[in-house]
Every structure is written in C-alpha cells, then in structure tokens.
Amino acid sequence: MLELSLYKRKYRKYMKKIDFKSKKTLWWIIGLLALLLIGFLVYRGLEGKSLKIWNGNSEKLVDIANSDDYAKFEGKQSVNFEGENTLNFSFLYKKDGEAVQGVGSQSNWFKLFDAEKDNFVTLYTTFEGGRGYTAEDYINEVFKKANPDVVIEDIKFAGNSDVVVKHIIDDTINTEYYIQEVKATDESPWLAIVENKKADNEAFKTAAKDLIRSFEVK
C-alpha cells in the first residue's frame, strides 16, 4: 500500500508539471495521437492482407498479398441480361503456375495450370441476376443432387471476416469446392465457385483455398 501511495504522489506531481494550456504541449499531444492513428491504420491494412494458410494440420497467418511467391490474376466476365453486366475481379496464385481464362462457352472458367501444364484448380463465375441462385441454392441444385452426402461448412478467412464462404467436401471424388456470393460494382449478383482437380492432393486443395480467400471484386 505504501508503494502504491508513493506512486500516486509521483504521478500527481508529474501531471502538475504538464502545462495543458501550453501550445507546445497541445501540439505534442496531437502529434502523439497522429502517430497512434497511423500505427493503427497500418496494422489494419496489414491485417486485411493476411490470409489464413493451412500447413498440414496446423494453421498460420501468412501475408500472401505481399509475398514474392504469389502473382495476381485480373479477370473480367460480362453477361448480357437486361443490359450488360460485368464482373471485374482478381485473385492470387503461386508464381510457379499459370492462370488462364477459357474461351467461347468456357469464357467464365479461369484455370490454374502447374509447370507440367496440368489443370489442377478451376474458378467458375456465374451471373445470378436471372435465375437468382444463392450459394445455398447452387449447393442444393448441383452438389447435393450429384452426392447427397457431401459435407458442407461455413468458413471465414482471416482479414476478410465479413465474408462467409461455403466449403463443400466430396470425399467420393477427392474434391473440395468453395462458393462465395459476390456483387459487382454495378450491384449485379454473381457466384464465384472454385474446385480442385479430382485427386487426393493437398497441394491442389491448398491452391483452391488460396484462390477463393484472395478473390476480390474490382
């Protein structure tokens, strides 16, 4: 108690020495608050770019948005329905691979290829301003009709905690899917659907996860 009392006395004595009416003191306080605000904004900016990556059975946060190992793919998909509806987006992928957009009837397919030119992850973008499918509707009409026993879970990724992504696991074909509801800048509704190649390969599944967690509307 004696030490606490002495501390309080020293604190009061120190505070009395500070002239809060002084312009110098005022500018010092403003400068300190500005530094704290800048530090907070920098932290939030880095936090927003930190994306959760699974490493085996453990989890760690890795800033893949600023990693030299990743490249950014910028894509565009347009649909004519009561006018032109366009989705501009980007995603990240490992630089040792290649991202390619399909042509013709597959122009809404965006494929990742490895060094051996093997397609191991595919992103589909679907315009839903017509039929109006939600992620849940797509799961019921597509995945559950093919396999009623698929496992479905809602997940959120670090740095993007406001977005809920549907994760679908089909062990019968060693495939995992991710579905995210997105809106283009013109407010048109779309679905972004990612799947890995049908193979029991953790690298493929991780690449699919990296793609959807970094998917961003432009």
Protein backbone atom coordinates (compact mmCIF):
# COMPACT_ATOMS: atom_id res chain seq x y z
CA MET A 1 0.00 0.00 0.00
CA LEU A 2 2.87 2.38 0.84
CA GLU A 3 4.46 1.80 -2.61
CA LEU A 4 1.11 2.45 -4.31
CA SER A 5 0.65 5.67 -2.33
CA LEU A 6 4.13 6.88 -3.29
CA TYR A 7 3.42 6.06 -6.94
CA LYS A 8 0.19 8.09 -6.86
CA ARG A 9 2.02 11.07 -5.35
CA LYS A 10 4.72 10.93 -8.02
CA TYR A 11 2.07 10.64 -10.74
CA ARG A 12 0.14 13.70 -9.44
CA LYS A 13 3.38 15.65 -9.12
CA TYR A 14 4.34 14.76 -12.69
CA MET A 15 0.92 15.69 -14.08
CA LYS A 16 1.05 19.07 -12.31
CA LYS A 17 4.25 19.85 -14.20
CA ILE A 18 2.50 19.44 -17.54
CA ASP A 19 1.03 22.69 -18.78
CA PHE A 20 -2.00 21.55 -20.78
CA LYS A 21 -2.69 25.15 -21.79
CA SER A 22 0.69 25.43 -23.49
CA LYS A 23 0.65 25.33 -27.30
CA LYS A 24 3.80 23.20 -27.21
CA THR A 25 2.07 20.62 -25.02
CA LEU A 26 -1.02 20.69 -27.24
CA TRP A 27 0.99 20.04 -30.40
CA TRP A 28 2.90 17.27 -28.63
CA ILE A 29 -0.38 15.55 -27.74
CA ILE A 30 -1.74 15.99 -31.27
CA GLY A 31 1.47 14.51 -32.71
CA LEU A 32 1.27 11.53 -30.38
CA LEU A 33 -2.37 10.86 -31.31
CA ALA A 34 -1.49 11.15 -35.01
CA LEU A 35 1.29 8.57 -34.62
CA LEU A 36 -1.08 6.22 -32.80
CA LEU A 37 -3.69 6.62 -35.56
CA ILE A 38 -1.13 5.96 -38.30
CA GLY A 39 0.10 2.88 -36.47
CA PHE A 40 -3.46 1.60 -36.13
CA LEU A 41 -4.22 2.15 -39.83
CA VAL A 42 -1.02 0.40 -40.89
CA TYR A 43 -1.86 -2.53 -38.62
CA ARG A 44 -5.39 -2.82 -40.03
CA GLY A 45 -4.03 -2.64 -43.57
CA LEU A 46 -1.59 -5.46 -42.95
CA GLU A 47 -4.23 -7.44 -41.09
CA GLY A 48 -6.56 -7.14 -44.06
CA LYS A 49 -3.93 -8.65 -46.35
CA SER A 50 -3.08 -11.51 -44.01
CA LEU A 51 -4.76 -14.63 -45.29
CA LYS A 52 -5.01 -17.87 -43.38
CA ILE A 53 -2.99 -20.68 -44.92
CA TRP A 54 -3.11 -24.27 -43.71
CA ASN A 55 0.21 -26.05 -43.29
CA GLY A 56 -0.54 -29.70 -42.67
CA ASN A 57 -2.79 -29.87 -39.61
CA SER A 58 -1.53 -26.59 -38.18
CA GLU A 59 -2.60 -23.07 -39.07
CA LYS A 60 -0.55 -19.94 -39.51
CA LEU A 61 -1.08 -16.46 -40.89
CA VAL A 62 0.92 -15.61 -43.98
CA ASP A 63 0.74 -12.31 -45.86
CA ILE A 64 0.42 -13.81 -49.35
CA ALA A 65 -0.77 -10.48 -50.76
CA ASN A 66 2.78 -9.16 -50.36
CA SER A 67 4.60 -12.43 -50.96
CA ASP A 68 7.10 -12.75 -53.81
CA ASP A 69 5.84 -16.31 -54.31
CA TYR A 70 2.40 -15.18 -55.50
CA ALA A 71 1.17 -13.40 -58.61
CA LYS A 72 -2.11 -11.57 -59.18
CA PHE A 73 -4.52 -12.54 -61.94
CA GLU A 74 -7.06 -9.92 -63.03
CA GLY A 75 -10.13 -11.28 -64.79
CA LYS A 76 -13.31 -9.98 -66.36
CA GLN A 77 -16.61 -11.63 -67.16
CA SER A 78 -19.54 -9.99 -68.96
CA VAL A 79 -23.12 -11.20 -69.44
CA ASN A 80 -25.95 -9.59 -71.40
CA PHE A 81 -29.14 -9.75 -69.34
CA GLU A 82 -31.37 -6.70 -69.42
CA GLY A 83 -28.22 -4.82 -70.34
CA GLU A 84 -24.56 -5.67 -69.90
CA ASN A 85 -23.46 -6.99 -66.51
CA THR A 86 -19.73 -7.11 -65.86
CA LEU A 87 -17.71 -8.63 -63.06
CA ASN A 88 -14.11 -7.44 -62.69
CA PHE A 89 -12.07 -9.37 -60.16
CA SER A 90 -8.65 -10.57 -59.13
CA PHE A 91 -7.12 -13.47 -57.23
CA LEU A 92 -3.68 -14.68 -56.18
CA TYR A 93 -1.89 -17.84 -57.25
CA LYS A 94 1.59 -19.33 -56.95
CA LYS A 95 4.03 -17.89 -59.50
CA ASP A 96 5.30 -21.33 -60.46
CA GLY A 97 1.88 -21.95 -62.05
CA GLU A 98 -0.17 -20.20 -64.73
CA ALA A 99 -3.69 -18.72 -64.72
CA VAL A 100 -5.65 -18.85 -68.00
CA GLN A 101 -9.16 -17.74 -68.95
CA GLY A 102 -11.21 -20.07 -71.14
CA VAL A 103 -12.68 -19.04 -74.48
CA GLY A 104 -16.12 -19.34 -76.06
CA SER A 105 -18.54 -21.32 -73.91
CA GLN A 106 -15.83 -21.62 -71.26
CA SER A 107 -15.06 -17.91 -71.01
CA ASN A 108 -16.31 -17.97 -67.41
CA TRP A 109 -13.72 -20.62 -66.50
CA PHE A 110 -10.42 -19.47 -65.05
CA LYS A 111 -7.93 -22.32 -64.74
CA LEU A 112 -4.68 -22.77 -62.85
CA PHE A 113 -2.03 -24.90 -64.53
CA ASP A 114 1.14 -26.26 -62.98
CA ALA A 115 4.60 -26.41 -64.60
CA GLU A 116 3.57 -29.62 -66.41
CA LYS A 117 0.53 -27.81 -67.90
CA ASP A 118 -1.83 -29.84 -65.73
CA ASN A 119 -5.08 -28.04 -64.78
CA PHE A 120 -5.37 -28.55 -61.02
CA VAL A 121 -7.75 -25.75 -59.91
CA THR A 122 -10.64 -24.07 -61.71
CA LEU A 123 -12.67 -20.97 -60.87
CA TYR A 124 -16.16 -20.54 -62.32
CA THR A 125 -18.03 -17.24 -62.27
CA THR A 126 -21.79 -17.35 -62.78
CA PHE A 127 -24.17 -14.42 -63.20
CA GLU A 128 -27.22 -14.85 -60.99
CA GLY A 129 -29.29 -11.81 -61.94
CA GLY A 130 -31.57 -14.11 -63.94
CA ARG A 131 -32.23 -17.34 -62.05
CA GLY A 132 -31.14 -15.76 -58.76
CA TYR A 133 -29.23 -18.66 -57.23
CA THR A 134 -27.67 -18.14 -53.82
CA ALA A 135 -24.72 -20.27 -52.71
CA GLU A 136 -27.19 -22.49 -50.84
CA ASP A 137 -29.35 -22.89 -53.96
CA TYR A 138 -26.33 -23.90 -56.03
CA ILE A 139 -25.33 -26.48 -53.44
CA ASN A 140 -28.82 -28.00 -53.38
CA GLU A 141 -29.30 -27.99 -57.15
CA VAL A 142 -25.83 -29.13 -58.19
CA PHE A 143 -23.72 -30.75 -55.49
CA LYS A 144 -26.41 -32.46 -53.41
CA LYS A 145 -28.12 -33.88 -56.48
CA ALA A 146 -24.83 -35.48 -57.50
CA ASN A 147 -24.00 -36.64 -53.96
CA PRO A 148 -26.49 -36.08 -51.10
CA ASP A 149 -23.76 -36.90 -48.57
CA VAL A 150 -21.39 -34.03 -49.35
CA VAL A 151 -20.08 -32.24 -46.26
CA ILE A 152 -20.88 -28.53 -46.11
CA GLU A 153 -19.48 -25.91 -43.75
CA ASP A 154 -19.43 -22.14 -43.47
CA ILE A 155 -15.94 -20.66 -43.19
CA LYS A 156 -14.40 -17.21 -42.85
CA PHE A 157 -10.85 -16.25 -43.67
CA ALA A 158 -8.56 -14.01 -41.65
CA GLY A 159 -8.52 -10.46 -42.97
CA ASN A 160 -11.91 -10.95 -44.63
CA SER A 161 -14.08 -11.96 -41.70
CA ASP A 162 -17.26 -10.31 -43.05
CA VAL A 163 -17.47 -12.75 -45.97
CA VAL A 164 -18.94 -16.22 -45.47
CA VAL A 165 -17.69 -18.86 -47.90
CA LYS A 166 -19.40 -22.22 -48.38
CA HIS A 167 -16.92 -25.10 -48.24
CA ILE A 168 -18.12 -28.36 -49.81
CA ILE A 169 -16.21 -31.60 -49.39
CA ASP A 170 -16.93 -34.60 -51.63
CA ASP A 171 -14.72 -37.44 -50.43
CA THR A 172 -16.10 -39.80 -53.06
CA ILE A 173 -14.21 -37.92 -55.78
CA ASN A 174 -11.45 -36.32 -53.63
CA THR A 175 -12.67 -32.83 -54.45
CA GLU A 176 -13.28 -29.71 -52.39
CA TYR A 177 -15.33 -26.75 -53.56
CA TYR A 178 -15.72 -23.18 -52.37
CA ILE A 179 -18.68 -20.95 -53.20
CA GLN A 180 -18.83 -17.24 -52.48
CA GLU A 181 -21.67 -14.84 -53.22
CA VAL A 182 -20.28 -11.62 -54.70
CA LYS A 183 -21.67 -8.40 -56.10
CA ALA A 184 -20.10 -6.50 -58.96
CA THR A 185 -19.61 -2.75 -58.76
CA ASP A 186 -22.93 -2.35 -60.62
CA GLU A 187 -24.58 -4.39 -57.81
CA SER A 188 -25.30 -7.37 -60.09
CA PRO A 189 -25.21 -10.70 -58.18
CA TRP A 190 -22.66 -13.38 -59.04
CA LEU A 191 -21.29 -16.63 -57.63
CA ALA A 192 -17.59 -17.46 -57.55
CA ILE A 193 -17.06 -21.24 -57.44
CA VAL A 194 -13.65 -22.88 -57.02
CA GLU A 195 -12.79 -26.56 -57.22
CA ASN A 196 -9.60 -28.57 -57.15
CA LYS A 197 -8.76 -31.37 -59.55
CA LYS A 198 -10.33 -34.68 -58.57
CA ALA A 199 -7.30 -36.08 -56.79
CA ASP A 200 -6.22 -36.71 -53.21
CA ASN A 201 -3.58 -34.00 -53.36
CA GLU A 202 -3.13 -31.47 -50.54
CA ALA A 203 -1.24 -29.03 -52.78
CA PHE A 204 -4.23 -28.85 -55.15
CA LYS A 205 -6.65 -28.30 -52.25
CA THR A 206 -4.44 -25.61 -50.75
CA ALA A 207 -4.23 -23.80 -54.10
CA ALA A 208 -8.03 -23.80 -54.35
CA LYS A 209 -8.26 -22.37 -50.86
CA ASP A 210 -5.67 -19.68 -51.65
CA LEU A 211 -7.64 -18.65 -54.72
CA ILE A 212 -11.02 -18.16 -53.03
CA ARG A 213 -9.58 -16.45 -49.95
CA SER A 214 -7.81 -13.92 -52.17
CA PHE A 215 -10.75 -13.43 -54.57
CA GLU A 216 -11.59 -9.73 -54.77
CA VAL A 217 -14.12 -7.75 -56.79
CA LYS A 218 -12.69 -4.71 -58.56
